[in-house]
Amino acid sequence: MIPLLRSSVQLVACLAVLSVSACIPVQYVRYPGVEGTVVDAQHHSPLKAAVTLKPLLGNKPLPELSTSTDTTGTFRLAPNKSFGLWVVPGTPATFSCTLTVRVLGYNEVSKSFSTSSLGPPVTQLGVIMMELGN
């Protein structure tokens, strides 16, 4: 008999673990993406804005990403995806993110969201309304 499986209890325990676990190839998110549109709250016209994403992986800060909106007020920060093996049962990593939008003459807006390493890779924030500053 195999030295590690000398008793029937060990054999049953090993079979139980193997029956509820597996390695599955998956595409996972290494860094979350986000997209949306920045507009003036009063006139609904697109705005040229600076956008910064500050993600946390658990409690660990990841590098910030920044971009600006195009002429339609739209921005997109692309995700970083990779392929790997996911061990089942397992818990996907969670990203807690804060997106900050700045436009000269307007109040700063921050949006918080969470996503998982199993997706979605890009979070859709939709339309972000900017109010004129005081």
C-alpha atoms as a PDB file:
ATOM      1  CA  MET A   1       0.000   0.000   0.000  1.00  0.00           C
ATOM      2  CA  ILE A   2       1.127   3.606  -0.604  1.00  0.00           C
ATOM      3  CA  PRO A   3       2.889   4.895   2.539  1.00  0.00           C
ATOM      4  CA  LEU A   4       0.785   8.094   2.741  1.00  0.00           C
ATOM      5  CA  LEU A   5      -2.504   6.216   2.564  1.00  0.00           C
ATOM      6  CA  ARG A   6      -1.937   3.530   5.210  1.00  0.00           C
ATOM      7  CA  SER A   7      -5.346   3.783   6.739  1.00  0.00           C
ATOM      8  CA  SER A   8      -8.783   3.794   5.227  1.00  0.00           C
ATOM      9  CA  VAL A   9      -9.537   7.053   7.081  1.00  0.00           C
ATOM     10  CA  GLN A  10      -6.719   8.815   5.225  1.00  0.00           C
ATOM     11  CA  LEU A  11      -7.905   7.363   1.936  1.00  0.00           C
ATOM     12  CA  VAL A  12     -11.480   8.539   2.506  1.00  0.00           C
ATOM     13  CA  ALA A  13     -10.242  12.008   3.536  1.00  0.00           C
ATOM     14  CA  CYS A  14      -8.098  12.319   0.420  1.00  0.00           C
ATOM     15  CA  LEU A  15     -10.953  11.215  -1.850  1.00  0.00           C
ATOM     16  CA  ALA A  16     -13.319  13.701  -0.187  1.00  0.00           C
ATOM     17  CA  VAL A  17     -10.891  16.579  -0.753  1.00  0.00           C
ATOM     18  CA  LEU A  18     -10.261  15.578  -4.361  1.00  0.00           C
ATOM     19  CA  SER A  19     -13.989  15.258  -5.086  1.00  0.00           C
ATOM     20  CA  VAL A  20     -14.704  18.893  -4.142  1.00  0.00           C
ATOM     21  CA  SER A  21     -11.611  20.538  -5.599  1.00  0.00           C
ATOM     22  CA  ALA A  22     -10.337  21.165  -9.082  1.00  0.00           C
ATOM     23  CA  CYS A  23      -8.017  23.403 -11.052  1.00  0.00           C
ATOM     24  CA  ILE A  24      -9.874  25.300 -13.752  1.00  0.00           C
ATOM     25  CA  PRO A  25      -8.138  27.471 -16.368  1.00  0.00           C
ATOM     26  CA  VAL A  26      -9.662  30.962 -16.249  1.00  0.00           C
ATOM     27  CA  GLN A  27      -9.058  34.456 -17.520  1.00  0.00           C
ATOM     28  CA  TYR A  28      -8.821  36.665 -14.461  1.00  0.00           C
ATOM     29  CA  VAL A  29      -8.473  40.384 -13.785  1.00  0.00           C
ATOM     30  CA  ARG A  30      -5.071  41.501 -12.473  1.00  0.00           C
ATOM     31  CA  TYR A  31      -6.072  45.180 -12.509  1.00  0.00           C
ATOM     32  CA  PRO A  32      -9.663  46.416 -12.897  1.00  0.00           C
ATOM     33  CA  GLY A  33     -10.846  48.638 -15.738  1.00  0.00           C
ATOM     34  CA  VAL A  34     -13.501  51.332 -15.670  1.00  0.00           C
ATOM     35  CA  GLU A  35     -15.364  53.504 -18.157  1.00  0.00           C
ATOM     36  CA  GLY A  36     -17.951  56.258 -18.178  1.00  0.00           C
ATOM     37  CA  THR A  37     -18.900  59.695 -19.476  1.00  0.00           C
ATOM     38  CA  VAL A  38     -18.417  63.055 -17.726  1.00  0.00           C
ATOM     39  CA  VAL A  39     -21.002  65.787 -18.364  1.00  0.00           C
ATOM     40  CA  ASP A  40     -22.092  69.148 -16.984  1.00  0.00           C
ATOM     41  CA  ALA A  41     -25.002  68.528 -14.595  1.00  0.00           C
ATOM     42  CA  GLN A  42     -27.002  71.553 -15.752  1.00  0.00           C
ATOM     43  CA  HIS A  43     -26.551  71.440 -19.550  1.00  0.00           C
ATOM     44  CA  HIS A  44     -25.632  67.742 -19.999  1.00  0.00           C
ATOM     45  CA  SER A  45     -22.758  68.779 -22.266  1.00  0.00           C
ATOM     46  CA  PRO A  46     -19.570  66.661 -22.330  1.00  0.00           C
ATOM     47  CA  LEU A  47     -16.640  67.897 -20.259  1.00  0.00           C
ATOM     48  CA  LYS A  48     -12.894  67.550 -20.597  1.00  0.00           C
ATOM     49  CA  ALA A  49     -11.918  65.892 -17.306  1.00  0.00           C
ATOM     50  CA  ALA A  50      -8.950  64.305 -15.562  1.00  0.00           C
ATOM     51  CA  VAL A  51      -9.822  60.848 -14.239  1.00  0.00           C
ATOM     52  CA  THR A  52      -7.802  58.877 -11.649  1.00  0.00           C
ATOM     53  CA  LEU A  53      -8.439  55.296 -10.501  1.00  0.00           C
ATOM     54  CA  LYS A  54      -7.098  54.190  -7.091  1.00  0.00           C
ATOM     55  CA  PRO A  55      -7.644  50.439  -6.606  1.00  0.00           C
ATOM     56  CA  LEU A  56      -6.972  48.300  -3.539  1.00  0.00           C
ATOM     57  CA  LEU A  57      -6.469  44.541  -3.741  1.00  0.00           C
ATOM     58  CA  GLY A  58      -7.670  43.534  -0.300  1.00  0.00           C
ATOM     59  CA  ASN A  59      -5.809  46.105   1.825  1.00  0.00           C
ATOM     60  CA  LYS A  60      -2.888  46.450  -0.595  1.00  0.00           C
ATOM     61  CA  PRO A  61      -2.852  49.615  -2.742  1.00  0.00           C
ATOM     62  CA  LEU A  62      -2.172  49.055  -6.432  1.00  0.00           C
ATOM     63  CA  PRO A  63      -0.607  51.707  -8.693  1.00  0.00           C
ATOM     64  CA  GLU A  64      -2.938  54.534  -9.704  1.00  0.00           C
ATOM     65  CA  LEU A  65      -4.063  54.890 -13.310  1.00  0.00           C
ATOM     66  CA  SER A  66      -5.004  58.211 -14.892  1.00  0.00           C
ATOM     67  CA  THR A  67      -6.541  59.336 -18.144  1.00  0.00           C
ATOM     68  CA  SER A  68      -8.631  62.167 -19.538  1.00  0.00           C
ATOM     69  CA  THR A  69     -11.944  62.270 -21.333  1.00  0.00           C
ATOM     70  CA  ASP A  70     -12.241  62.626 -25.095  1.00  0.00           C
ATOM     71  CA  THR A  71     -14.350  65.242 -26.923  1.00  0.00           C
ATOM     72  CA  THR A  72     -17.548  63.320 -26.090  1.00  0.00           C
ATOM     73  CA  GLY A  73     -16.706  63.278 -22.356  1.00  0.00           C
ATOM     74  CA  THR A  74     -15.982  59.539 -22.454  1.00  0.00           C
ATOM     75  CA  PHE A  75     -13.090  57.880 -20.616  1.00  0.00           C
ATOM     76  CA  ARG A  76     -11.820  54.313 -20.432  1.00  0.00           C
ATOM     77  CA  LEU A  77      -9.128  52.785 -18.277  1.00  0.00           C
ATOM     78  CA  ALA A  78      -8.412  49.331 -19.679  1.00  0.00           C
ATOM     79  CA  PRO A  79      -8.160  46.305 -17.390  1.00  0.00           C
ATOM     80  CA  ASN A  80      -5.105  44.087 -17.155  1.00  0.00           C
ATOM     81  CA  LYS A  81      -6.209  40.488 -17.686  1.00  0.00           C
ATOM     82  CA  SER A  82      -4.258  37.254 -17.532  1.00  0.00           C
ATOM     83  CA  PHE A  83      -4.813  33.510 -17.775  1.00  0.00           C
ATOM     84  CA  GLY A  84      -4.184  31.185 -14.858  1.00  0.00           C
ATOM     85  CA  LEU A  85      -5.510  28.284 -12.839  1.00  0.00           C
ATOM     86  CA  TRP A  86      -8.257  28.775 -10.281  1.00  0.00           C
ATOM     87  CA  VAL A  87      -8.355  26.171  -7.524  1.00  0.00           C
ATOM     88  CA  VAL A  88     -11.903  25.197  -6.609  1.00  0.00           C
ATOM     89  CA  PRO A  89     -13.065  25.777  -3.934  1.00  0.00           C
ATOM     90  CA  GLY A  90     -11.454  29.173  -3.799  1.00  0.00           C
ATOM     91  CA  THR A  91     -12.381  32.758  -3.180  1.00  0.00           C
ATOM     92  CA  PRO A  92     -11.696  35.284  -5.956  1.00  0.00           C
ATOM     93  CA  ALA A  93      -9.712  38.376  -4.984  1.00  0.00           C
ATOM     94  CA  THR A  94     -11.746  41.552  -4.419  1.00  0.00           C
ATOM     95  CA  PHE A  95     -10.803  44.995  -5.694  1.00  0.00           C
ATOM     96  CA  SER A  96     -12.116  48.080  -3.861  1.00  0.00           C
ATOM     97  CA  CYS A  97     -11.743  51.088  -6.139  1.00  0.00           C
ATOM     98  CA  THR A  98     -12.171  54.844  -5.962  1.00  0.00           C
ATOM     99  CA  LEU A  99     -12.452  56.864  -9.159  1.00  0.00           C
ATOM    100  CA  THR A 100     -11.852  60.611  -8.862  1.00  0.00           C
ATOM    101  CA  VAL A 101     -12.984  63.041 -11.572  1.00  0.00           C
ATOM    102  CA  ARG A 102     -11.636  66.605 -11.751  1.00  0.00           C
ATOM    103  CA  VAL A 103     -12.719  69.426 -14.060  1.00  0.00           C
ATOM    104  CA  LEU A 104     -11.480  73.008 -13.696  1.00  0.00           C
ATOM    105  CA  GLY A 105     -14.290  75.160 -12.229  1.00  0.00           C
ATOM    106  CA  TYR A 106     -16.345  72.143 -11.061  1.00  0.00           C
ATOM    107  CA  ASN A 107     -16.633  70.292  -7.763  1.00  0.00           C
ATOM    108  CA  GLU A 108     -14.540  67.112  -7.621  1.00  0.00           C
ATOM    109  CA  VAL A 109     -16.533  63.865  -7.824  1.00  0.00           C
ATOM    110  CA  SER A 110     -15.486  60.495  -6.382  1.00  0.00           C
ATOM    111  CA  LYS A 111     -17.181  57.189  -7.165  1.00  0.00           C
ATOM    112  CA  SER A 112     -16.470  53.961  -5.273  1.00  0.00           C
ATOM    113  CA  PHE A 113     -17.046  50.467  -6.612  1.00  0.00           C
ATOM    114  CA  SER A 114     -15.933  46.885  -6.024  1.00  0.00           C
ATOM    115  CA  THR A 115     -15.197  44.118  -8.458  1.00  0.00           C
ATOM    116  CA  SER A 116     -13.711  40.632  -8.449  1.00  0.00           C
ATOM    117  CA  SER A 117     -10.663  39.041 -10.025  1.00  0.00           C
ATOM    118  CA  LEU A 118     -13.127  36.839 -11.935  1.00  0.00           C
ATOM    119  CA  GLY A 119     -14.875  39.876 -13.407  1.00  0.00           C
ATOM    120  CA  PRO A 120     -16.325  41.847 -14.821  1.00  0.00           C
ATOM    121  CA  PRO A 121     -13.004  43.181 -16.136  1.00  0.00           C
ATOM    122  CA  VAL A 122     -14.483  46.647 -16.852  1.00  0.00           C
ATOM    123  CA  THR A 123     -16.943  48.419 -14.557  1.00  0.00           C
ATOM    124  CA  GLN A 124     -19.448  50.680 -16.336  1.00  0.00           C
ATOM    125  CA  LEU A 125     -20.037  53.855 -14.298  1.00  0.00           C
ATOM    126  CA  GLY A 126     -22.375  55.424 -16.847  1.00  0.00           C
ATOM    127  CA  VAL A 127     -22.831  59.202 -16.801  1.00  0.00           C
ATOM    128  CA  ILE A 128     -21.003  61.192 -14.125  1.00  0.00           C
ATOM    129  CA  MET A 129     -22.629  64.581 -13.514  1.00  0.00           C
ATOM    130  CA  MET A 130     -20.346  67.485 -12.545  1.00  0.00           C
ATOM    131  CA  GLU A 131     -21.696  70.482 -10.600  1.00  0.00           C
ATOM    132  CA  LEU A 132     -20.184  73.960 -11.029  1.00  0.00           C
ATOM    133  CA  GLY A 133     -17.978  74.953  -8.104  1.00  0.00           C
ATOM    134  CA  ASN A 134     -18.797  77.824  -5.758  1.00  0.00           C
END
